[in-house]
Amino acid sequence: MNNAIVTRAVLAFVAVLAFAISPLLFANFSGWEPSRFPVEIARHPIQPAGYAFSIWGLIYLALVVHGAFGLFARRESAEWDAVRLPLIIAAAIGFVWMPIANASPLWGTLTIWPMAAAALSAFVLADTGQDRWLLSGPLAIFAGWMSAAACVSTGVFLGGYGVLAPSTAAWLMVAVMLVIAISVQRFKPAQPLYGLTVIWALVGVVVANWADTMNVVLGASLGILLMAATVVMALRGR
């Protein structure tokens, strides 16, 4: 038995379990109040519609299943062990992110990027050929949503601090999201759940802006088409 690998398997399971129960331990984060920013904006156009955030329930469940299966069925697997360290880091940051975000929009924005980077690292390191839906699948959904969430938080911050107009911030961060997401999906062509999760976030942006911010609807819709094309081409070319 490799004690180091087993220890990482245990830590990964504990980390994702703690991450999953963090909403029960801390005050829920439902977005920053406009009054927290120098420029008060009632609704930032980069923010998806509220229903889109329901994906967190799926993410928590998928990560707990991933951690449990990895611990009890694949604890000494090299393929599973490859993703554990970045997953532990992402889940550990995620565990404390809500109180950080509730305390400060600045620190909430600064800490979401390392969390997203760790989630993306775990997904990139995941073997998509072994235990496809249990190993890489949960990490794909997590990384896909974090790719979107980091860009959304940054767009809100840029608009709220008057760095950019809200619509300009939305266009910029949709573009950043696509650069990240298209690059990652092309690198991991066999796992479409990543790209589909990014599409879920972009659809939420379209829904949120449909009634009043058509230029952002146009940008997010273009992003959906580009992301969908990337997913299809990646699956065909793998």
C-alpha atoms as a PDB file:
ATOM      1  CA  MET A   1       0.000   0.000   0.000  1.00  0.00           C
ATOM      2  CA  ASN A   2       1.268   3.441  -0.966  1.00  0.00           C
ATOM      3  CA  ASN A   3       0.524   5.550   2.105  1.00  0.00           C
ATOM      4  CA  ALA A   4       1.015   8.865   0.311  1.00  0.00           C
ATOM      5  CA  ILE A   5      -1.508   8.006  -2.398  1.00  0.00           C
ATOM      6  CA  VAL A   6      -4.023   6.697   0.145  1.00  0.00           C
ATOM      7  CA  THR A   7      -3.601   9.875   2.199  1.00  0.00           C
ATOM      8  CA  ARG A   8      -4.335  12.015  -0.866  1.00  0.00           C
ATOM      9  CA  ALA A   9      -7.413   9.896  -1.609  1.00  0.00           C
ATOM     10  CA  VAL A  10      -8.699  10.471   1.918  1.00  0.00           C
ATOM     11  CA  LEU A  11      -7.930  14.198   1.791  1.00  0.00           C
ATOM     12  CA  ALA A  12      -9.654  14.553  -1.589  1.00  0.00           C
ATOM     13  CA  PHE A  13     -12.817  12.931  -0.258  1.00  0.00           C
ATOM     14  CA  VAL A  14     -12.792  15.012   2.921  1.00  0.00           C
ATOM     15  CA  ALA A  15     -12.162  18.192   0.913  1.00  0.00           C
ATOM     16  CA  VAL A  16     -15.031  17.682  -1.531  1.00  0.00           C
ATOM     17  CA  LEU A  17     -17.350  16.610   1.298  1.00  0.00           C
ATOM     18  CA  ALA A  18     -16.503  19.771   3.244  1.00  0.00           C
ATOM     19  CA  PHE A  19     -16.981  21.822   0.080  1.00  0.00           C
ATOM     20  CA  ALA A  20     -20.406  20.252  -0.480  1.00  0.00           C
ATOM     21  CA  ILE A  21     -21.628  21.046   3.027  1.00  0.00           C
ATOM     22  CA  SER A  22     -20.167  24.564   3.130  1.00  0.00           C
ATOM     23  CA  PRO A  23     -23.526  26.165   2.158  1.00  0.00           C
ATOM     24  CA  LEU A  24     -24.961  24.662   5.347  1.00  0.00           C
ATOM     25  CA  LEU A  25     -22.183  26.124   7.485  1.00  0.00           C
ATOM     26  CA  PHE A  26     -21.850  29.641   6.133  1.00  0.00           C
ATOM     27  CA  ALA A  27     -24.224  32.428   5.153  1.00  0.00           C
ATOM     28  CA  ASN A  28     -25.357  31.796   1.598  1.00  0.00           C
ATOM     29  CA  PHE A  29     -23.782  33.934  -1.104  1.00  0.00           C
ATOM     30  CA  SER A  30     -26.395  35.117  -3.607  1.00  0.00           C
ATOM     31  CA  GLY A  31     -24.430  37.877  -5.284  1.00  0.00           C
ATOM     32  CA  TRP A  32     -23.126  41.241  -4.095  1.00  0.00           C
ATOM     33  CA  GLU A  33     -25.550  44.005  -3.241  1.00  0.00           C
ATOM     34  CA  PRO A  34     -25.145  47.058  -5.523  1.00  0.00           C
ATOM     35  CA  SER A  35     -24.386  49.171  -2.452  1.00  0.00           C
ATOM     36  CA  ARG A  36     -21.135  47.236  -1.939  1.00  0.00           C
ATOM     37  CA  PHE A  37     -19.625  48.991  -4.973  1.00  0.00           C
ATOM     38  CA  PRO A  38     -18.701  52.602  -5.742  1.00  0.00           C
ATOM     39  CA  VAL A  39     -20.917  52.424  -8.849  1.00  0.00           C
ATOM     40  CA  GLU A  40     -24.326  51.001  -7.958  1.00  0.00           C
ATOM     41  CA  ILE A  41     -25.666  48.814 -10.779  1.00  0.00           C
ATOM     42  CA  ALA A  42     -29.006  47.140 -10.159  1.00  0.00           C
ATOM     43  CA  ARG A  43     -28.245  44.154 -12.396  1.00  0.00           C
ATOM     44  CA  HIS A  44     -24.923  43.383 -14.000  1.00  0.00           C
ATOM     45  CA  PRO A  45     -25.473  41.997 -17.514  1.00  0.00           C
ATOM     46  CA  ILE A  46     -22.684  39.432 -17.137  1.00  0.00           C
ATOM     47  CA  GLN A  47     -24.675  37.648 -14.415  1.00  0.00           C
ATOM     48  CA  PRO A  48     -26.655  34.595 -15.578  1.00  0.00           C
ATOM     49  CA  ALA A  49     -30.301  34.178 -14.648  1.00  0.00           C
ATOM     50  CA  GLY A  50     -30.818  32.850 -11.131  1.00  0.00           C
ATOM     51  CA  TYR A  51     -31.892  29.365 -12.217  1.00  0.00           C
ATOM     52  CA  ALA A  52     -28.445  28.740 -13.742  1.00  0.00           C
ATOM     53  CA  PHE A  53     -26.878  28.622 -10.281  1.00  0.00           C
ATOM     54  CA  SER A  54     -28.875  25.481  -9.484  1.00  0.00           C
ATOM     55  CA  ILE A  55     -26.027  23.609 -11.164  1.00  0.00           C
ATOM     56  CA  TRP A  56     -24.159  23.855  -7.844  1.00  0.00           C
ATOM     57  CA  GLY A  57     -26.330  21.021  -6.513  1.00  0.00           C
ATOM     58  CA  LEU A  58     -25.133  18.794  -9.356  1.00  0.00           C
ATOM     59  CA  ILE A  59     -21.524  19.890  -8.861  1.00  0.00           C
ATOM     60  CA  TYR A  60     -21.543  19.089  -5.149  1.00  0.00           C
ATOM     61  CA  LEU A  61     -23.168  15.696  -5.692  1.00  0.00           C
ATOM     62  CA  ALA A  62     -20.845  14.784  -8.572  1.00  0.00           C
ATOM     63  CA  LEU A  63     -17.713  15.738  -6.634  1.00  0.00           C
ATOM     64  CA  VAL A  64     -18.774  13.756  -3.557  1.00  0.00           C
ATOM     65  CA  VAL A  65     -19.452  10.693  -5.743  1.00  0.00           C
ATOM     66  CA  HIS A  66     -16.081  11.243  -7.434  1.00  0.00           C
ATOM     67  CA  GLY A  67     -14.290  11.496  -4.087  1.00  0.00           C
ATOM     68  CA  ALA A  68     -16.038   8.458  -2.601  1.00  0.00           C
ATOM     69  CA  PHE A  69     -15.421   6.252  -5.639  1.00  0.00           C
ATOM     70  CA  GLY A  70     -11.814   7.372  -5.801  1.00  0.00           C
ATOM     71  CA  LEU A  71     -11.282   6.557  -2.125  1.00  0.00           C
ATOM     72  CA  PHE A  72     -13.092   3.238  -1.896  1.00  0.00           C
ATOM     73  CA  ALA A  73     -12.616   1.795  -5.390  1.00  0.00           C
ATOM     74  CA  ARG A  74      -9.594   3.554  -6.944  1.00  0.00           C
ATOM     75  CA  ARG A  75      -7.544   4.705  -3.960  1.00  0.00           C
ATOM     76  CA  GLU A  76      -4.188   3.548  -5.399  1.00  0.00           C
ATOM     77  CA  SER A  77      -4.933   4.284  -9.052  1.00  0.00           C
ATOM     78  CA  ALA A  78      -2.292   6.517 -10.608  1.00  0.00           C
ATOM     79  CA  GLU A  79      -4.881   8.025 -12.965  1.00  0.00           C
ATOM     80  CA  TRP A  80      -7.128   9.005 -10.087  1.00  0.00           C
ATOM     81  CA  ASP A  81      -4.240  10.200  -7.944  1.00  0.00           C
ATOM     82  CA  ALA A  82      -3.118  12.591 -10.709  1.00  0.00           C
ATOM     83  CA  VAL A  83      -6.111  14.887 -10.119  1.00  0.00           C
ATOM     84  CA  ARG A  84      -6.253  14.825  -6.347  1.00  0.00           C
ATOM     85  CA  LEU A  85      -3.860  17.607  -5.350  1.00  0.00           C
ATOM     86  CA  PRO A  86      -5.438  20.335  -7.535  1.00  0.00           C
ATOM     87  CA  LEU A  87      -8.900  19.069  -6.566  1.00  0.00           C
ATOM     88  CA  ILE A  88      -8.008  19.339  -2.879  1.00  0.00           C
ATOM     89  CA  ILE A  89      -6.813  22.917  -3.442  1.00  0.00           C
ATOM     90  CA  ALA A  90      -9.946  23.896  -5.393  1.00  0.00           C
ATOM     91  CA  ALA A  91     -12.286  22.333  -2.823  1.00  0.00           C
ATOM     92  CA  ALA A  92     -10.387  23.882   0.097  1.00  0.00           C
ATOM     93  CA  ILE A  93     -10.693  27.361  -1.427  1.00  0.00           C
ATOM     94  CA  GLY A  94     -14.319  26.613  -2.256  1.00  0.00           C
ATOM     95  CA  PHE A  95     -15.011  25.680   1.358  1.00  0.00           C
ATOM     96  CA  VAL A  96     -14.070  29.169   2.583  1.00  0.00           C
ATOM     97  CA  TRP A  97     -15.073  31.147  -0.506  1.00  0.00           C
ATOM     98  CA  MET A  98     -18.596  32.106   0.586  1.00  0.00           C
ATOM     99  CA  PRO A  99     -17.543  33.895   3.790  1.00  0.00           C
ATOM    100  CA  ILE A 100     -14.716  35.570   1.877  1.00  0.00           C
ATOM    101  CA  ALA A 101     -17.075  36.733  -0.863  1.00  0.00           C
ATOM    102  CA  ASN A 102     -19.665  37.896   1.642  1.00  0.00           C
ATOM    103  CA  ALA A 103     -17.000  39.949   3.398  1.00  0.00           C
ATOM    104  CA  SER A 104     -15.441  41.607   0.341  1.00  0.00           C
ATOM    105  CA  PRO A 105     -16.149  41.771  -3.415  1.00  0.00           C
ATOM    106  CA  LEU A 106     -12.436  42.405  -3.991  1.00  0.00           C
ATOM    107  CA  TRP A 107     -11.261  39.331  -2.107  1.00  0.00           C
ATOM    108  CA  GLY A 108     -14.119  37.264  -3.475  1.00  0.00           C
ATOM    109  CA  THR A 109     -12.966  38.103  -6.997  1.00  0.00           C
ATOM    110  CA  LEU A 110      -9.276  37.568  -6.225  1.00  0.00           C
ATOM    111  CA  THR A 111      -9.812  34.170  -4.597  1.00  0.00           C
ATOM    112  CA  ILE A 112     -12.173  32.759  -7.217  1.00  0.00           C
ATOM    113  CA  TRP A 113      -9.405  32.724  -9.837  1.00  0.00           C
ATOM    114  CA  PRO A 114      -7.050  30.359  -7.937  1.00  0.00           C
ATOM    115  CA  MET A 115     -10.065  28.166  -7.253  1.00  0.00           C
ATOM    116  CA  ALA A 116     -10.920  28.122 -10.960  1.00  0.00           C
ATOM    117  CA  ALA A 117      -7.282  27.479 -11.903  1.00  0.00           C
ATOM    118  CA  ALA A 118      -7.097  24.500  -9.540  1.00  0.00           C
ATOM    119  CA  ALA A 119     -10.394  23.094 -10.840  1.00  0.00           C
ATOM    120  CA  LEU A 120      -9.173  23.477 -14.413  1.00  0.00           C
ATOM    121  CA  SER A 121      -5.861  21.814 -13.520  1.00  0.00           C
ATOM    122  CA  ALA A 122      -7.682  18.830 -12.045  1.00  0.00           C
ATOM    123  CA  PHE A 123      -9.791  18.465 -15.186  1.00  0.00           C
ATOM    124  CA  VAL A 124      -6.833  18.871 -17.554  1.00  0.00           C
ATOM    125  CA  LEU A 125      -4.920  16.179 -15.638  1.00  0.00           C
ATOM    126  CA  ALA A 126      -7.882  13.775 -15.676  1.00  0.00           C
ATOM    127  CA  ASP A 127      -7.679  10.675 -17.848  1.00  0.00           C
ATOM    128  CA  THR A 128     -10.772  10.685 -20.065  1.00  0.00           C
ATOM    129  CA  GLY A 129     -10.256   7.052 -21.048  1.00  0.00           C
ATOM    130  CA  GLN A 130     -10.640   5.452 -17.612  1.00  0.00           C
ATOM    131  CA  ASP A 131     -13.862   5.656 -15.585  1.00  0.00           C
ATOM    132  CA  ARG A 132     -14.867   8.468 -17.925  1.00  0.00           C
ATOM    133  CA  TRP A 133     -18.016   9.638 -16.181  1.00  0.00           C
ATOM    134  CA  LEU A 134     -16.718   9.169 -12.633  1.00  0.00           C
ATOM    135  CA  LEU A 135     -13.151  10.446 -13.019  1.00  0.00           C
ATOM    136  CA  SER A 136     -13.225  13.255 -15.583  1.00  0.00           C
ATOM    137  CA  GLY A 137     -16.994  13.886 -15.698  1.00  0.00           C
ATOM    138  CA  PRO A 138     -17.452  15.584 -12.291  1.00  0.00           C
ATOM    139  CA  LEU A 139     -14.232  17.543 -12.772  1.00  0.00           C
ATOM    140  CA  ALA A 140     -15.429  18.714 -16.194  1.00  0.00           C
ATOM    141  CA  ILE A 141     -18.657  20.123 -14.772  1.00  0.00           C
ATOM    142  CA  PHE A 142     -16.822  21.755 -11.864  1.00  0.00           C
ATOM    143  CA  ALA A 143     -14.137  23.258 -14.102  1.00  0.00           C
ATOM    144  CA  GLY A 144     -16.683  24.415 -16.679  1.00  0.00           C
ATOM    145  CA  TRP A 145     -18.760  26.256 -14.114  1.00  0.00           C
ATOM    146  CA  MET A 146     -15.688  27.753 -12.445  1.00  0.00           C
ATOM    147  CA  SER A 147     -14.461  29.006 -15.836  1.00  0.00           C
ATOM    148  CA  ALA A 148     -17.732  30.893 -16.137  1.00  0.00           C
ATOM    149  CA  ALA A 149     -18.011  31.928 -12.480  1.00  0.00           C
ATOM    150  CA  ALA A 150     -14.559  33.526 -12.361  1.00  0.00           C
ATOM    151  CA  CYS A 151     -15.369  35.585 -15.447  1.00  0.00           C
ATOM    152  CA  VAL A 152     -18.779  36.577 -14.091  1.00  0.00           C
ATOM    153  CA  SER A 153     -17.283  37.721 -10.773  1.00  0.00           C
ATOM    154  CA  THR A 154     -14.641  39.739 -12.590  1.00  0.00           C
ATOM    155  CA  GLY A 155     -17.214  41.332 -14.882  1.00  0.00           C
ATOM    156  CA  VAL A 156     -19.299  42.383 -11.872  1.00  0.00           C
ATOM    157  CA  PHE A 157     -16.188  43.791 -10.196  1.00  0.00           C
ATOM    158  CA  LEU A 158     -15.145  45.775 -13.296  1.00  0.00           C
ATOM    159  CA  GLY A 159     -18.594  47.268 -13.663  1.00  0.00           C
ATOM    160  CA  GLY A 160     -19.105  47.904  -9.953  1.00  0.00           C
ATOM    161  CA  TYR A 161     -15.814  49.742  -9.606  1.00  0.00           C
ATOM    162  CA  GLY A 162     -16.396  51.802 -12.743  1.00  0.00           C
ATOM    163  CA  VAL A 163     -13.455  50.335 -14.640  1.00  0.00           C
ATOM    164  CA  LEU A 164     -15.733  49.511 -17.584  1.00  0.00           C
ATOM    165  CA  ALA A 165     -19.339  50.114 -18.514  1.00  0.00           C
ATOM    166  CA  PRO A 166     -21.452  47.076 -17.491  1.00  0.00           C
ATOM    167  CA  SER A 167     -22.139  45.935 -21.080  1.00  0.00           C
ATOM    168  CA  THR A 168     -18.488  46.380 -22.045  1.00  0.00           C
ATOM    169  CA  ALA A 169     -17.417  44.351 -19.000  1.00  0.00           C
ATOM    170  CA  ALA A 170     -19.894  41.647 -20.018  1.00  0.00           C
ATOM    171  CA  TRP A 171     -18.561  41.460 -23.577  1.00  0.00           C
ATOM    172  CA  LEU A 172     -14.955  41.389 -22.348  1.00  0.00           C
ATOM    173  CA  MET A 173     -15.533  38.635 -19.836  1.00  0.00           C
ATOM    174  CA  VAL A 174     -17.583  36.528 -22.254  1.00  0.00           C
ATOM    175  CA  ALA A 175     -14.593  36.780 -24.599  1.00  0.00           C
ATOM    176  CA  VAL A 176     -12.187  35.769 -21.813  1.00  0.00           C
ATOM    177  CA  MET A 177     -14.475  32.889 -20.873  1.00  0.00           C
ATOM    178  CA  LEU A 178     -14.467  31.647 -24.475  1.00  0.00           C
ATOM    179  CA  VAL A 179     -10.686  31.884 -24.821  1.00  0.00           C
ATOM    180  CA  ILE A 180     -10.294  29.729 -21.719  1.00  0.00           C
ATOM    181  CA  ALA A 181     -13.124  27.326 -22.499  1.00  0.00           C
ATOM    182  CA  ILE A 182     -12.353  26.724 -26.160  1.00  0.00           C
ATOM    183  CA  SER A 183      -8.680  26.099 -25.356  1.00  0.00           C
ATOM    184  CA  VAL A 184      -9.514  23.644 -22.573  1.00  0.00           C
ATOM    185  CA  GLN A 185     -12.193  21.816 -24.587  1.00  0.00           C
ATOM    186  CA  ARG A 186      -9.849  21.371 -27.554  1.00  0.00           C
ATOM    187  CA  PHE A 187      -7.227  19.967 -25.169  1.00  0.00           C
ATOM    188  CA  LYS A 188      -9.761  17.532 -23.657  1.00  0.00           C
ATOM    189  CA  PRO A 189     -11.896  16.597 -26.683  1.00  0.00           C
ATOM    190  CA  ALA A 190     -13.293  13.367 -25.236  1.00  0.00           C
ATOM    191  CA  GLN A 191     -15.115  15.027 -22.356  1.00  0.00           C
ATOM    192  CA  PRO A 192     -17.933  17.289 -23.638  1.00  0.00           C
ATOM    193  CA  LEU A 193     -19.389  17.985 -20.190  1.00  0.00           C
ATOM    194  CA  TYR A 194     -16.906  20.823 -19.767  1.00  0.00           C
ATOM    195  CA  GLY A 195     -18.102  22.714 -22.834  1.00  0.00           C
ATOM    196  CA  LEU A 196     -21.742  21.907 -22.148  1.00  0.00           C
ATOM    197  CA  THR A 197     -21.419  23.437 -18.678  1.00  0.00           C
ATOM    198  CA  VAL A 198     -19.976  26.640 -20.145  1.00  0.00           C
ATOM    199  CA  ILE A 199     -22.901  26.699 -22.586  1.00  0.00           C
ATOM    200  CA  TRP A 200     -25.288  26.343 -19.624  1.00  0.00           C
ATOM    201  CA  ALA A 201     -23.756  29.484 -18.092  1.00  0.00           C
ATOM    202  CA  LEU A 202     -23.958  31.423 -21.367  1.00  0.00           C
ATOM    203  CA  VAL A 203     -27.594  30.445 -21.875  1.00  0.00           C
ATOM    204  CA  GLY A 204     -28.219  31.864 -18.402  1.00  0.00           C
ATOM    205  CA  VAL A 205     -26.646  35.152 -19.525  1.00  0.00           C
ATOM    206  CA  VAL A 206     -28.923  35.230 -22.573  1.00  0.00           C
ATOM    207  CA  VAL A 207     -32.014  34.584 -20.461  1.00  0.00           C
ATOM    208  CA  ALA A 208     -31.054  37.260 -17.926  1.00  0.00           C
ATOM    209  CA  ASN A 209     -30.557  39.927 -20.593  1.00  0.00           C
ATOM    210  CA  TRP A 210     -33.255  39.042 -23.094  1.00  0.00           C
ATOM    211  CA  ALA A 211     -35.658  41.787 -22.080  1.00  0.00           C
ATOM    212  CA  ASP A 212     -33.320  44.771 -21.974  1.00  0.00           C
ATOM    213  CA  THR A 213     -29.658  44.258 -22.988  1.00  0.00           C
ATOM    214  CA  MET A 214     -29.669  42.828 -26.498  1.00  0.00           C
ATOM    215  CA  ASN A 215     -26.028  43.618 -27.223  1.00  0.00           C
ATOM    216  CA  VAL A 216     -25.014  41.259 -24.389  1.00  0.00           C
ATOM    217  CA  VAL A 217     -27.552  38.698 -25.654  1.00  0.00           C
ATOM    218  CA  LEU A 218     -25.790  38.870 -29.016  1.00  0.00           C
ATOM    219  CA  GLY A 219     -22.361  38.340 -27.473  1.00  0.00           C
ATOM    220  CA  ALA A 220     -23.456  35.445 -25.279  1.00  0.00           C
ATOM    221  CA  SER A 221     -25.366  33.847 -28.174  1.00  0.00           C
ATOM    222  CA  LEU A 222     -22.278  34.036 -30.345  1.00  0.00           C
ATOM    223  CA  GLY A 223     -20.365  32.428 -27.493  1.00  0.00           C
ATOM    224  CA  ILE A 224     -22.894  29.588 -27.305  1.00  0.00           C
ATOM    225  CA  LEU A 225     -22.503  28.905 -31.031  1.00  0.00           C
ATOM    226  CA  LEU A 226     -18.695  28.956 -30.836  1.00  0.00           C
ATOM    227  CA  MET A 227     -18.646  26.709 -27.781  1.00  0.00           C
ATOM    228  CA  ALA A 228     -21.131  24.258 -29.294  1.00  0.00           C
ATOM    229  CA  ALA A 229     -19.076  24.095 -32.490  1.00  0.00           C
ATOM    230  CA  THR A 230     -15.931  23.461 -30.448  1.00  0.00           C
ATOM    231  CA  VAL A 231     -17.581  20.594 -28.565  1.00  0.00           C
ATOM    232  CA  VAL A 232     -18.835  18.975 -31.783  1.00  0.00           C
ATOM    233  CA  MET A 233     -15.530  19.356 -33.625  1.00  0.00           C
ATOM    234  CA  ALA A 234     -13.584  18.062 -30.629  1.00  0.00           C
ATOM    235  CA  LEU A 235     -15.726  14.927 -30.428  1.00  0.00           C
ATOM    236  CA  ARG A 236     -15.460  14.332 -34.172  1.00  0.00           C
ATOM    237  CA  GLY A 237     -11.719  14.852 -34.266  1.00  0.00           C
ATOM    238  CA  ARG A 238     -10.634  12.926 -31.190  1.00  0.00           C
END
